PDB file of N, CA and C in Angstrom:
ATOM      1  N   MET A   1      25.744 -25.108  36.318  1.00  0.00           N
ATOM      2  CA  MET A   1      25.068 -25.256  35.135  1.00  0.00           C
ATOM      3  C   MET A   1      23.933 -24.311  35.015  1.00  0.00           C
ATOM      4  N   THR A   2      23.901 -23.633  33.910  1.00  0.00           N
ATOM      5  CA  THR A   2      22.861 -22.571  33.695  1.00  0.00           C
ATOM      6  C   THR A   2      21.827 -23.095  32.723  1.00  0.00           C
ATOM      7  N   THR A   3      20.624 -22.767  32.965  1.00  0.00           N
ATOM      8  CA  THR A   3      19.533 -23.101  32.131  1.00  0.00           C
ATOM      9  C   THR A   3      18.820 -21.819  31.560  1.00  0.00           C
ATOM     10  N   LEU A   4      18.450 -21.863  30.387  1.00  0.00           N
ATOM     11  CA  LEU A   4      17.845 -20.781  29.751  1.00  0.00           C
ATOM     12  C   LEU A   4      16.313 -20.950  29.944  1.00  0.00           C
ATOM     13  N   ALA A   5      15.680 -19.784  30.186  1.00  0.00           N
ATOM     14  CA  ALA A   5      14.212 -19.864  30.455  1.00  0.00           C
ATOM     15  C   ALA A   5      13.433 -20.208  29.214  1.00  0.00           C
ATOM     16  N   GLY A   6      13.873 -19.871  28.057  1.00  0.00           N
ATOM     17  CA  GLY A   6      13.112 -20.093  26.870  1.00  0.00           C
ATOM     18  C   GLY A   6      13.674 -21.290  26.117  1.00  0.00           C
ATOM     19  N   ALA A   7      14.509 -22.064  26.619  1.00  0.00           N
ATOM     20  CA  ALA A   7      15.064 -23.194  25.910  1.00  0.00           C
ATOM     21  C   ALA A   7      14.052 -24.275  25.574  1.00  0.00           C
ATOM     22  N   ASP A   8      13.064 -24.385  26.455  1.00  0.00           N
ATOM     23  CA  ASP A   8      12.066 -25.465  26.197  1.00  0.00           C
ATOM     24  C   ASP A   8      10.833 -24.931  25.462  1.00  0.00           C
ATOM     25  N   ALA A   9      10.808 -23.615  25.164  1.00  0.00           N
ATOM     26  CA  ALA A   9       9.679 -23.044  24.380  1.00  0.00           C
ATOM     27  C   ALA A   9       9.671 -23.525  22.934  1.00  0.00           C
ATOM     28  N   VAL A  10       8.458 -23.789  22.454  1.00  0.00           N
ATOM     29  CA  VAL A  10       8.344 -24.241  21.056  1.00  0.00           C
ATOM     30  C   VAL A  10       7.788 -23.060  20.227  1.00  0.00           C
ATOM     31  N   ALA A  11       8.401 -22.823  19.222  1.00  0.00           N
ATOM     32  CA  ALA A  11       8.054 -21.684  18.271  1.00  0.00           C
ATOM     33  C   ALA A  11       6.975 -22.303  17.256  1.00  0.00           C
ATOM     34  N   THR A  12       5.892 -21.649  17.241  1.00  0.00           N
ATOM     35  CA  THR A  12       4.866 -22.131  16.252  1.00  0.00           C
ATOM     36  C   THR A  12       4.529 -21.017  15.291  1.00  0.00           C
ATOM     37  N   THR A  13       4.341 -21.399  14.068  1.00  0.00           N
ATOM     38  CA  THR A  13       3.922 -20.397  13.085  1.00  0.00           C
ATOM     39  C   THR A  13       2.392 -20.440  13.005  1.00  0.00           C
ATOM     40  N   PRO A  14       1.857 -19.231  12.679  1.00  0.00           N
ATOM     41  CA  PRO A  14       0.431 -19.134  12.627  1.00  0.00           C
ATOM     42  C   PRO A  14      -0.209 -20.082  11.545  1.00  0.00           C
ATOM     43  N   THR A  15      -1.263 -20.628  11.827  1.00  0.00           N
ATOM     44  CA  THR A  15      -1.905 -21.566  10.825  1.00  0.00           C
ATOM     45  C   THR A  15      -2.730 -20.689   9.877  1.00  0.00           C
ATOM     46  N   LEU A  16      -3.162 -21.322   8.828  1.00  0.00           N
ATOM     47  CA  LEU A  16      -3.943 -20.669   7.805  1.00  0.00           C
ATOM     48  C   LEU A  16      -5.158 -20.118   8.394  1.00  0.00           C
ATOM     49  N   ARG A  17      -5.873 -20.977   9.265  1.00  0.00           N
ATOM     50  CA  ARG A  17      -7.057 -20.610   9.924  1.00  0.00           C
ATOM     51  C   ARG A  17      -6.870 -19.333  10.771  1.00  0.00           C
ATOM     52  N   ALA A  18      -5.804 -19.262  11.554  1.00  0.00           N
ATOM     53  CA  ALA A  18      -5.560 -18.066  12.350  1.00  0.00           C
ATOM     54  C   ALA A  18      -5.343 -16.868  11.497  1.00  0.00           C
ATOM     55  N   ALA A  19      -4.607 -17.020  10.442  1.00  0.00           N
ATOM     56  CA  ALA A  19      -4.338 -15.853   9.539  1.00  0.00           C
ATOM     57  C   ALA A  19      -5.678 -15.366   8.899  1.00  0.00           C
ATOM     58  N   ALA A  20      -6.536 -16.291   8.524  1.00  0.00           N
ATOM     59  CA  ALA A  20      -7.757 -15.928   7.941  1.00  0.00           C
ATOM     60  C   ALA A  20      -8.711 -15.259   8.962  1.00  0.00           C
ATOM     61  N   ARG A  21      -8.637 -15.689  10.152  1.00  0.00           N
ATOM     62  CA  ARG A  21      -9.492 -15.122  11.198  1.00  0.00           C
ATOM     63  C   ARG A  21      -9.062 -13.685  11.480  1.00  0.00           C
ATOM     64  N   ARG A  22      -7.733 -13.405  11.420  1.00  0.00           N
ATOM     65  CA  ARG A  22      -7.261 -12.023  11.672  1.00  0.00           C
ATOM     66  C   ARG A  22      -7.557 -11.119  10.558  1.00  0.00           C
ATOM     67  N   SER A  23      -7.599 -11.606   9.331  1.00  0.00           N
ATOM     68  CA  SER A  23      -7.793 -10.737   8.161  1.00  0.00           C
ATOM     69  C   SER A  23      -9.257 -10.667   7.689  1.00  0.00           C
ATOM     70  N   ARG A  24     -10.112 -11.384   8.326  1.00  0.00           N
ATOM     71  CA  ARG A  24     -11.520 -11.486   7.949  1.00  0.00           C
ATOM     72  C   ARG A  24     -12.190 -10.113   7.855  1.00  0.00           C
ATOM     73  N   PHE A  25     -12.007  -9.272   8.856  1.00  0.00           N
ATOM     74  CA  PHE A  25     -12.540  -7.961   8.938  1.00  0.00           C
ATOM     75  C   PHE A  25     -12.187  -7.077   7.687  1.00  0.00           C
ATOM     76  N   TRP A  26     -10.880  -7.079   7.358  1.00  0.00           N
ATOM     77  CA  TRP A  26     -10.461  -6.308   6.237  1.00  0.00           C
ATOM     78  C   TRP A  26     -10.901  -6.788   4.883  1.00  0.00           C
ATOM     79  N   VAL A  27     -11.036  -8.061   4.786  1.00  0.00           N
ATOM     80  CA  VAL A  27     -11.560  -8.690   3.534  1.00  0.00           C
ATOM     81  C   VAL A  27     -13.011  -8.296   3.388  1.00  0.00           C
ATOM     82  N   LEU A  28     -13.829  -8.471   4.481  1.00  0.00           N
ATOM     83  CA  LEU A  28     -15.246  -8.089   4.449  1.00  0.00           C
ATOM     84  C   LEU A  28     -15.449  -6.617   4.164  1.00  0.00           C
ATOM     85  N   ALA A  29     -14.545  -5.745   4.763  1.00  0.00           N
ATOM     86  CA  ALA A  29     -14.707  -4.331   4.569  1.00  0.00           C
ATOM     87  C   ALA A  29     -14.350  -3.961   3.148  1.00  0.00           C
ATOM     88  N   GLY A  30     -13.400  -4.598   2.485  1.00  0.00           N
ATOM     89  CA  GLY A  30     -13.094  -4.329   1.174  1.00  0.00           C
ATOM     90  C   GLY A  30     -14.196  -4.733   0.161  1.00  0.00           C
ATOM     91  N   VAL A  31     -14.782  -5.878   0.452  1.00  0.00           N
ATOM     92  CA  VAL A  31     -15.895  -6.418  -0.382  1.00  0.00           C
ATOM     93  C   VAL A  31     -17.091  -5.409  -0.272  1.00  0.00           C
ATOM     94  N   GLY A  32     -17.325  -4.976   0.973  1.00  0.00           N
ATOM     95  CA  GLY A  32     -18.472  -4.156   1.192  1.00  0.00           C
ATOM     96  C   GLY A  32     -18.258  -2.754   0.463  1.00  0.00           C
ATOM     97  N   ALA A  33     -17.048  -2.225   0.502  1.00  0.00           N
ATOM     98  CA  ALA A  33     -16.761  -0.928  -0.176  1.00  0.00           C
ATOM     99  C   ALA A  33     -16.889  -1.119  -1.656  1.00  0.00           C
ATOM    100  N   LEU A  34     -16.432  -2.304  -2.149  1.00  0.00           N
ATOM    101  CA  LEU A  34     -16.562  -2.505  -3.635  1.00  0.00           C
ATOM    102  C   LEU A  34     -18.068  -2.591  -3.982  1.00  0.00           C
ATOM    103  N   LEU A  35     -18.908  -3.258  -3.186  1.00  0.00           N
ATOM    104  CA  LEU A  35     -20.344  -3.311  -3.461  1.00  0.00           C
ATOM    105  C   LEU A  35     -21.021  -1.960  -3.428  1.00  0.00           C
ATOM    106  N   VAL A  36     -20.549  -1.142  -2.487  1.00  0.00           N
ATOM    107  CA  VAL A  36     -21.154   0.227  -2.392  1.00  0.00           C
ATOM    108  C   VAL A  36     -20.751   1.081  -3.565  1.00  0.00           C
ATOM    109  N   ALA A  37     -19.502   0.930  -4.088  1.00  0.00           N
ATOM    110  CA  ALA A  37     -19.073   1.679  -5.208  1.00  0.00           C
ATOM    111  C   ALA A  37     -19.777   1.209  -6.472  1.00  0.00           C
ATOM    112  N   ILE A  38     -20.017  -0.053  -6.596  1.00  0.00           N
ATOM    113  CA  ILE A  38     -20.744  -0.523  -7.825  1.00  0.00           C
ATOM    114  C   ILE A  38     -22.229  -0.122  -7.768  1.00  0.00           C
ATOM    115  N   ALA A  39     -22.838  -0.069  -6.628  1.00  0.00           N
ATOM    116  CA  ALA A  39     -24.199   0.347  -6.507  1.00  0.00           C
ATOM    117  C   ALA A  39     -24.366   1.838  -6.820  1.00  0.00           C
ATOM    118  N   ALA A  40     -23.358   2.587  -6.291  1.00  0.00           N
ATOM    119  CA  ALA A  40     -23.473   4.032  -6.568  1.00  0.00           C
ATOM    120  C   ALA A  40     -23.163   4.322  -8.008  1.00  0.00           C
ATOM    121  N   THR A  41     -22.364   3.670  -8.708  1.00  0.00           N
ATOM    122  CA  THR A  41     -22.112   3.841 -10.097  1.00  0.00           C
ATOM    123  C   THR A  41     -23.384   3.499 -10.935  1.00  0.00           C
ATOM    124  N   LEU A  42     -24.032   2.390 -10.533  1.00  0.00           N
ATOM    125  CA  LEU A  42     -25.186   1.980 -11.256  1.00  0.00           C
ATOM    126  C   LEU A  42     -26.404   2.976 -11.082  1.00  0.00           C
ATOM    127  N   LEU A  43     -26.556   3.420  -9.884  1.00  0.00           N
ATOM    128  CA  LEU A  43     -27.651   4.411  -9.514  1.00  0.00           C
ATOM    129  C   LEU A  43     -27.294   5.662 -10.198  1.00  0.00           C
ATOM    130  N   ALA A  44     -26.176   6.152 -10.290  1.00  0.00           N
ATOM    131  CA  ALA A  44     -25.830   7.433 -10.903  1.00  0.00           C
ATOM    132  C   ALA A  44     -26.038   7.376 -12.400  1.00  0.00           C
ATOM    133  N   GLY A  45     -25.735   6.285 -12.997  1.00  0.00           N
ATOM    134  CA  GLY A  45     -25.917   6.087 -14.460  1.00  0.00           C
ATOM    135  C   GLY A  45     -27.350   5.889 -14.825  1.00  0.00           C
ATOM    136  N   ALA A  46     -28.138   5.333 -13.948  1.00  0.00           N
ATOM    137  CA  ALA A  46     -29.544   4.996 -14.248  1.00  0.00           C
ATOM    138  C   ALA A  46     -30.416   6.240 -14.174  1.00  0.00           C
ATOM    139  N   GLY A  47     -29.962   7.270 -13.394  1.00  0.00           N
ATOM    140  CA  GLY A  47     -30.861   8.399 -13.213  1.00  0.00           C
ATOM    141  C   GLY A  47     -30.767   9.457 -14.284  1.00  0.00           C
ATOM    142  N   SER A  48     -29.715   9.418 -15.095  1.00  0.00           N
ATOM    143  CA  SER A  48     -29.575  10.371 -16.137  1.00  0.00           C
ATOM    144  C   SER A  48     -30.254   9.960 -17.439  1.00  0.00           C
ATOM    145  N   SER A  49     -31.264  10.693 -17.781  1.00  0.00           N
ATOM    146  CA  SER A  49     -31.986  10.461 -19.061  1.00  0.00           C
ATOM    147  C   SER A  49     -31.495  11.458 -20.029  1.00  0.00           C
ATOM    148  N   GLY A  50     -30.472  11.190 -20.729  1.00  0.00           N
ATOM    149  CA  GLY A  50     -29.813  12.146 -21.636  1.00  0.00           C
ATOM    150  C   GLY A  50     -30.510  12.269 -23.006  1.00  0.00           C
ATOM    151  N   GLY A  51     -31.461  11.486 -23.224  1.00  0.00           N
ATOM    152  CA  GLY A  51     -32.121  11.499 -24.551  1.00  0.00           C
ATOM    153  C   GLY A  51     -31.244  10.761 -25.572  1.00  0.00           C
ATOM    154  N   THR A  52     -31.486  11.172 -26.868  1.00  0.00           N
ATOM    155  CA  THR A  52     -30.719  10.475 -27.883  1.00  0.00           C
ATOM    156  C   THR A  52     -29.343  11.007 -28.049  1.00  0.00           C
ATOM    157  N   PRO A  53     -28.340  10.204 -27.896  1.00  0.00           N
ATOM    158  CA  PRO A  53     -26.972  10.770 -27.999  1.00  0.00           C
ATOM    159  C   PRO A  53     -26.627  11.400 -29.343  1.00  0.00           C
ATOM    160  N   LEU A  54     -25.951  12.526 -29.258  1.00  0.00           N
ATOM    161  CA  LEU A  54     -25.526  13.224 -30.437  1.00  0.00           C
ATOM    162  C   LEU A  54     -26.758  13.788 -31.248  1.00  0.00           C
ATOM    163  N   ALA A  55     -27.842  13.962 -30.666  1.00  0.00           N
ATOM    164  CA  ALA A  55     -28.915  14.548 -31.398  1.00  0.00           C
ATOM    165  C   ALA A  55     -28.851  16.088 -31.395  1.00  0.00           C
ATOM    166  N   ALA A  56     -29.275  16.685 -32.450  1.00  0.00           N
ATOM    167  CA  ALA A  56     -29.182  18.168 -32.572  1.00  0.00           C
ATOM    168  C   ALA A  56     -30.099  18.857 -31.582  1.00  0.00           C
ATOM    169  N   ASP A  57     -31.172  18.233 -31.211  1.00  0.00           N
ATOM    170  CA  ASP A  57     -32.187  18.868 -30.275  1.00  0.00           C
ATOM    171  C   ASP A  57     -31.956  18.354 -28.832  1.00  0.00           C
ATOM    172  N   ASN A  58     -30.865  17.716 -28.541  1.00  0.00           N
ATOM    173  CA  ASN A  58     -30.608  17.231 -27.224  1.00  0.00           C
ATOM    174  C   ASN A  58     -29.590  18.128 -26.506  1.00  0.00           C
ATOM    175  N   ALA A  59     -30.057  18.768 -25.369  1.00  0.00           N
ATOM    176  CA  ALA A  59     -29.198  19.712 -24.695  1.00  0.00           C
ATOM    177  C   ALA A  59     -28.453  19.019 -23.601  1.00  0.00           C
ATOM    178  N   ALA A  60     -28.621  17.774 -23.414  1.00  0.00           N
ATOM    179  CA  ALA A  60     -27.868  16.996 -22.361  1.00  0.00           C
ATOM    180  C   ALA A  60     -26.388  16.920 -22.676  1.00  0.00           C
ATOM    181  N   PRO A  61     -25.582  16.449 -21.701  1.00  0.00           N
ATOM    182  CA  PRO A  61     -24.118  16.322 -22.008  1.00  0.00           C
ATOM    183  C   PRO A  61     -23.796  15.396 -23.158  1.00  0.00           C
ATOM    184  N   ALA A  62     -24.693  14.467 -23.474  1.00  0.00           N
ATOM    185  CA  ALA A  62     -24.435  13.634 -24.573  1.00  0.00           C
ATOM    186  C   ALA A  62     -24.964  14.146 -25.940  1.00  0.00           C
ATOM    187  N   GLY A  63     -25.658  15.274 -25.885  1.00  0.00           N
ATOM    188  CA  GLY A  63     -26.288  15.800 -27.049  1.00  0.00           C
ATOM    189  C   GLY A  63     -25.342  16.756 -27.820  1.00  0.00           C
ATOM    190  N   ALA A  64     -25.796  17.265 -28.997  1.00  0.00           N
ATOM    191  CA  ALA A  64     -24.998  18.117 -29.766  1.00  0.00           C
ATOM    192  C   ALA A  64     -25.665  19.427 -30.030  1.00  0.00           C
ATOM    193  N   ARG A  65     -26.586  19.843 -29.184  1.00  0.00           N
ATOM    194  CA  ARG A  65     -27.309  21.048 -29.395  1.00  0.00           C
ATOM    195  C   ARG A  65     -26.473  22.281 -29.363  1.00  0.00           C
ATOM    196  N   ALA A  66     -25.458  22.295 -28.415  1.00  0.00           N
ATOM    197  CA  ALA A  66     -24.545  23.495 -28.327  1.00  0.00           C
ATOM    198  C   ALA A  66     -23.691  23.614 -29.575  1.00  0.00           C
ATOM    199  N   LEU A  67     -23.214  22.483 -30.102  1.00  0.00           N
ATOM    200  CA  LEU A  67     -22.452  22.504 -31.321  1.00  0.00           C
ATOM    201  C   LEU A  67     -23.260  22.999 -32.535  1.00  0.00           C
ATOM    202  N   VAL A  68     -24.501  22.535 -32.640  1.00  0.00           N
ATOM    203  CA  VAL A  68     -25.373  23.041 -33.721  1.00  0.00           C
ATOM    204  C   VAL A  68     -25.669  24.546 -33.615  1.00  0.00           C
ATOM    205  N   GLU A  69     -25.825  25.009 -32.414  1.00  0.00           N
ATOM    206  CA  GLU A  69     -26.146  26.425 -32.218  1.00  0.00           C
ATOM    207  C   GLU A  69     -24.899  27.246 -32.599  1.00  0.00           C
ATOM    208  N   VAL A  70     -23.697  26.848 -32.156  1.00  0.00           N
ATOM    209  CA  VAL A  70     -22.429  27.570 -32.531  1.00  0.00           C
ATOM    210  C   VAL A  70     -22.262  27.535 -34.012  1.00  0.00           C
ATOM    211  N   LEU A  71     -22.506  26.471 -34.723  1.00  0.00           N
ATOM    212  CA  LEU A  71     -22.316  26.383 -36.163  1.00  0.00           C
ATOM    213  C   LEU A  71     -23.309  27.250 -36.835  1.00  0.00           C
ATOM    214  N   ARG A  72     -24.556  27.314 -36.394  1.00  0.00           N
ATOM    215  CA  ARG A  72     -25.579  28.169 -36.975  1.00  0.00           C
ATOM    216  C   ARG A  72     -25.217  29.678 -36.749  1.00  0.00           C
ATOM    217  N   GLN A  73     -24.641  29.980 -35.576  1.00  0.00           N
ATOM    218  CA  GLN A  73     -24.284  31.401 -35.424  1.00  0.00           C
ATOM    219  C   GLN A  73     -23.085  31.782 -36.346  1.00  0.00           C
ATOM    220  N   GLN A  74     -22.266  30.854 -36.650  1.00  0.00           N
ATOM    221  CA  GLN A  74     -21.190  31.083 -37.608  1.00  0.00           C
ATOM    222  C   GLN A  74     -21.594  31.110 -39.058  1.00  0.00           C
ATOM    223  N   GLY A  75     -22.867  30.798 -39.297  1.00  0.00           N
ATOM    224  CA  GLY A  75     -23.389  30.724 -40.639  1.00  0.00           C
ATOM    225  C   GLY A  75     -23.330  29.374 -41.386  1.00  0.00           C
ATOM    226  N   CYS A  76     -23.047  28.391 -40.624  1.00  0.00           N
ATOM    227  CA  CYS A  76     -22.957  27.076 -41.237  1.00  0.00           C
ATOM    228  C   CYS A  76     -24.336  26.451 -41.164  1.00  0.00           C
ATOM    229  N   ALA A  77     -24.569  25.691 -42.265  1.00  0.00           N
ATOM    230  CA  ALA A  77     -25.824  24.870 -42.254  1.00  0.00           C
ATOM    231  C   ALA A  77     -25.623  23.601 -41.595  1.00  0.00           C
ATOM    232  N   SER A  78     -26.550  23.198 -40.821  1.00  0.00           N
ATOM    233  CA  SER A  78     -26.445  21.858 -40.208  1.00  0.00           C
ATOM    234  C   SER A  78     -27.803  21.204 -40.259  1.00  0.00           C
ATOM    235  N   ARG A  79     -27.806  19.876 -40.418  1.00  0.00           N
ATOM    236  CA  ARG A  79     -29.072  19.187 -40.454  1.00  0.00           C
ATOM    237  C   ARG A  79     -28.811  17.859 -39.694  1.00  0.00           C
ATOM    238  N   GLN A  80     -29.872  17.319 -39.157  1.00  0.00           N
ATOM    239  CA  GLN A  80     -29.804  16.098 -38.444  1.00  0.00           C
ATOM    240  C   GLN A  80     -30.166  14.948 -39.321  1.00  0.00           C
ATOM    241  N   ARG A  81     -29.263  13.974 -39.277  1.00  0.00           N
ATOM    242  CA  ARG A  81     -29.433  12.782 -40.104  1.00  0.00           C
ATOM    243  C   ARG A  81     -29.512  11.567 -39.235  1.00  0.00           C
ATOM    244  N   THR A  82     -30.617  10.794 -39.384  1.00  0.00           N
ATOM    245  CA  THR A  82     -30.726   9.618 -38.631  1.00  0.00           C
ATOM    246  C   THR A  82     -30.317   8.453 -39.506  1.00  0.00           C
ATOM    247  N   PRO A  83     -29.946   7.308 -38.924  1.00  0.00           N
ATOM    248  CA  PRO A  83     -29.414   6.193 -39.691  1.00  0.00           C
ATOM    249  C   PRO A  83     -30.470   5.651 -40.736  1.00  0.00           C
ATOM    250  N   TRP A  84     -31.695   5.858 -40.535  1.00  0.00           N
ATOM    251  CA  TRP A  84     -32.730   5.292 -41.462  1.00  0.00           C
ATOM    252  C   TRP A  84     -33.203   6.268 -42.554  1.00  0.00           C
ATOM    253  N   THR A  85     -32.601   7.486 -42.620  1.00  0.00           N
ATOM    254  CA  THR A  85     -32.979   8.462 -43.629  1.00  0.00           C
ATOM    255  C   THR A  85     -32.011   8.310 -44.790  1.00  0.00           C
ATOM    256  N   ARG A  86     -32.407   8.487 -45.991  1.00  0.00           N
ATOM    257  CA  ARG A  86     -31.575   8.377 -47.138  1.00  0.00           C
ATOM    258  C   ARG A  86     -30.941   9.797 -47.477  1.00  0.00           C
ATOM    259  N   PRO A  87     -29.699   9.814 -47.881  1.00  0.00           N
ATOM    260  CA  PRO A  87     -29.149  11.105 -48.187  1.00  0.00           C
ATOM    261  C   PRO A  87     -29.782  11.735 -49.448  1.00  0.00           C
ATOM    262  N   ALA A  88     -29.708  13.044 -49.617  1.00  0.00           N
ATOM    263  CA  ALA A  88     -30.276  13.713 -50.766  1.00  0.00           C
ATOM    264  C   ALA A  88     -29.688  13.353 -51.965  1.00  0.00           C
ATOM    265  N   ARG A  89     -28.361  13.136 -52.019  1.00  0.00           N
ATOM    266  CA  ARG A  89     -27.619  12.745 -53.228  1.00  0.00           C
ATOM    267  C   ARG A  89     -26.875  11.493 -52.894  1.00  0.00           C
ATOM    268  N   SER A  90     -26.340  10.939 -53.901  1.00  0.00           N
ATOM    269  CA  SER A  90     -25.522   9.688 -53.683  1.00  0.00           C
ATOM    270  C   SER A  90     -24.245  10.209 -53.193  1.00  0.00           C
ATOM    271  N   PRO A  91     -23.495   9.394 -52.367  1.00  0.00           N
ATOM    272  CA  PRO A  91     -22.251   9.857 -51.725  1.00  0.00           C
ATOM    273  C   PRO A  91     -21.186  10.190 -52.772  1.00  0.00           C
ATOM    274  N   ARG A  92     -21.224   9.595 -53.984  1.00  0.00           N
ATOM    275  CA  ARG A  92     -20.194   9.839 -54.946  1.00  0.00           C
ATOM    276  C   ARG A  92     -20.371  11.215 -55.511  1.00  0.00           C
ATOM    277  N   ARG A  93     -21.552  11.717 -55.675  1.00  0.00           N
ATOM    278  CA  ARG A  93     -21.831  13.027 -56.319  1.00  0.00           C
ATOM    279  C   ARG A  93     -22.065  14.191 -55.288  1.00  0.00           C
ATOM    280  N   ALA A  94     -22.112  13.842 -54.055  1.00  0.00           N
ATOM    281  CA  ALA A  94     -22.428  14.858 -53.079  1.00  0.00           C
ATOM    282  C   ALA A  94     -21.221  15.884 -52.951  1.00  0.00           C
ATOM    283  N   ARG A  95     -21.552  17.074 -52.930  1.00  0.00           N
ATOM    284  CA  ARG A  95     -20.543  18.192 -52.741  1.00  0.00           C
ATOM    285  C   ARG A  95     -20.372  18.518 -51.260  1.00  0.00           C
ATOM    286  N   ILE A  96     -19.156  18.614 -50.888  1.00  0.00           N
ATOM    287  CA  ILE A  96     -18.926  19.025 -49.452  1.00  0.00           C
ATOM    288  C   ILE A  96     -18.553  20.422 -49.415  1.00  0.00           C
ATOM    289  N   ARG A  97     -19.383  21.219 -48.750  1.00  0.00           N
ATOM    290  CA  ARG A  97     -19.117  22.594 -48.607  1.00  0.00           C
ATOM    291  C   ARG A  97     -18.167  22.802 -47.328  1.00  0.00           C
ATOM    292  N   PRO A  98     -17.308  23.767 -47.371  1.00  0.00           N
ATOM    293  CA  PRO A  98     -16.352  23.934 -46.291  1.00  0.00           C
ATOM    294  C   PRO A  98     -16.970  24.210 -44.916  1.00  0.00           C
ATOM    295  N   CYS A  99     -18.219  24.655 -44.855  1.00  0.00           N
ATOM    296  CA  CYS A  99     -18.873  25.028 -43.615  1.00  0.00           C
ATOM    297  C   CYS A  99     -20.109  24.207 -43.379  1.00  0.00           C
ATOM    298  N   SER A 100     -20.183  23.014 -43.925  1.00  0.00           N
ATOM    299  CA  SER A 100     -21.356  22.146 -43.666  1.00  0.00           C
ATOM    300  C   SER A 100     -21.083  21.161 -42.625  1.00  0.00           C
ATOM    301  N   SER A 101     -22.042  20.740 -41.902  1.00  0.00           N
ATOM    302  CA  SER A 101     -21.891  19.716 -40.850  1.00  0.00           C
ATOM    303  C   SER A 101     -23.111  18.875 -40.865  1.00  0.00           C
ATOM    304  N   VAL A 102     -22.873  17.652 -40.457  1.00  0.00           N
ATOM    305  CA  VAL A 102     -24.041  16.687 -40.317  1.00  0.00           C
ATOM    306  C   VAL A 102     -23.899  16.115 -38.904  1.00  0.00           C
ATOM    307  N   THR A 103     -25.015  16.228 -38.142  1.00  0.00           N
ATOM    308  CA  THR A 103     -25.052  15.701 -36.817  1.00  0.00           C
ATOM    309  C   THR A 103     -25.681  14.288 -36.924  1.00  0.00           C
ATOM    310  N   ARG A 104     -24.921  13.288 -36.609  1.00  0.00           N
ATOM    311  CA  ARG A 104     -25.420  11.933 -36.697  1.00  0.00           C
ATOM    312  C   ARG A 104     -26.103  11.526 -35.413  1.00  0.00           C
ATOM    313  N   THR A 105     -27.148  10.758 -35.516  1.00  0.00           N
ATOM    314  CA  THR A 105     -27.898  10.290 -34.353  1.00  0.00           C
ATOM    315  C   THR A 105     -27.498   8.782 -34.230  1.00  0.00           C
ATOM    316  N   ALA A 106     -27.040   8.419 -33.051  1.00  0.00           N
ATOM    317  CA  ALA A 106     -26.736   7.076 -32.786  1.00  0.00           C
ATOM    318  C   ALA A 106     -28.014   6.334 -32.265  1.00  0.00           C
ATOM    319  N   ILE A 107     -28.011   5.064 -32.574  1.00  0.00           N
ATOM    320  CA  ILE A 107     -29.191   4.270 -32.061  1.00  0.00           C
ATOM    321  C   ILE A 107     -28.965   3.799 -30.747  1.00  0.00           C
TER     322      ILE A 107
END
């Protein structure tokens, strides 16, 4: 009669606690990397004082100073209009010149 060495061995599957214990490092590493990425994004955005977006006198990346300068070099008239200023004419009677531009300032 022959006996197998592993015949009496019991196969056990890993429990939820054992699986969580093994993956704890990678979960914490992922959460830490996510927190570092969020902090870096917030700090990078907080440091840039771009001024008023789309303002004609704003040379920051959010500004429109370069556009206004190029239009002026091409002979186009440009003016800055803020939301609280009234237009010179009513919109129905305003004439649109082919080379005119208005730079709007966002609030």
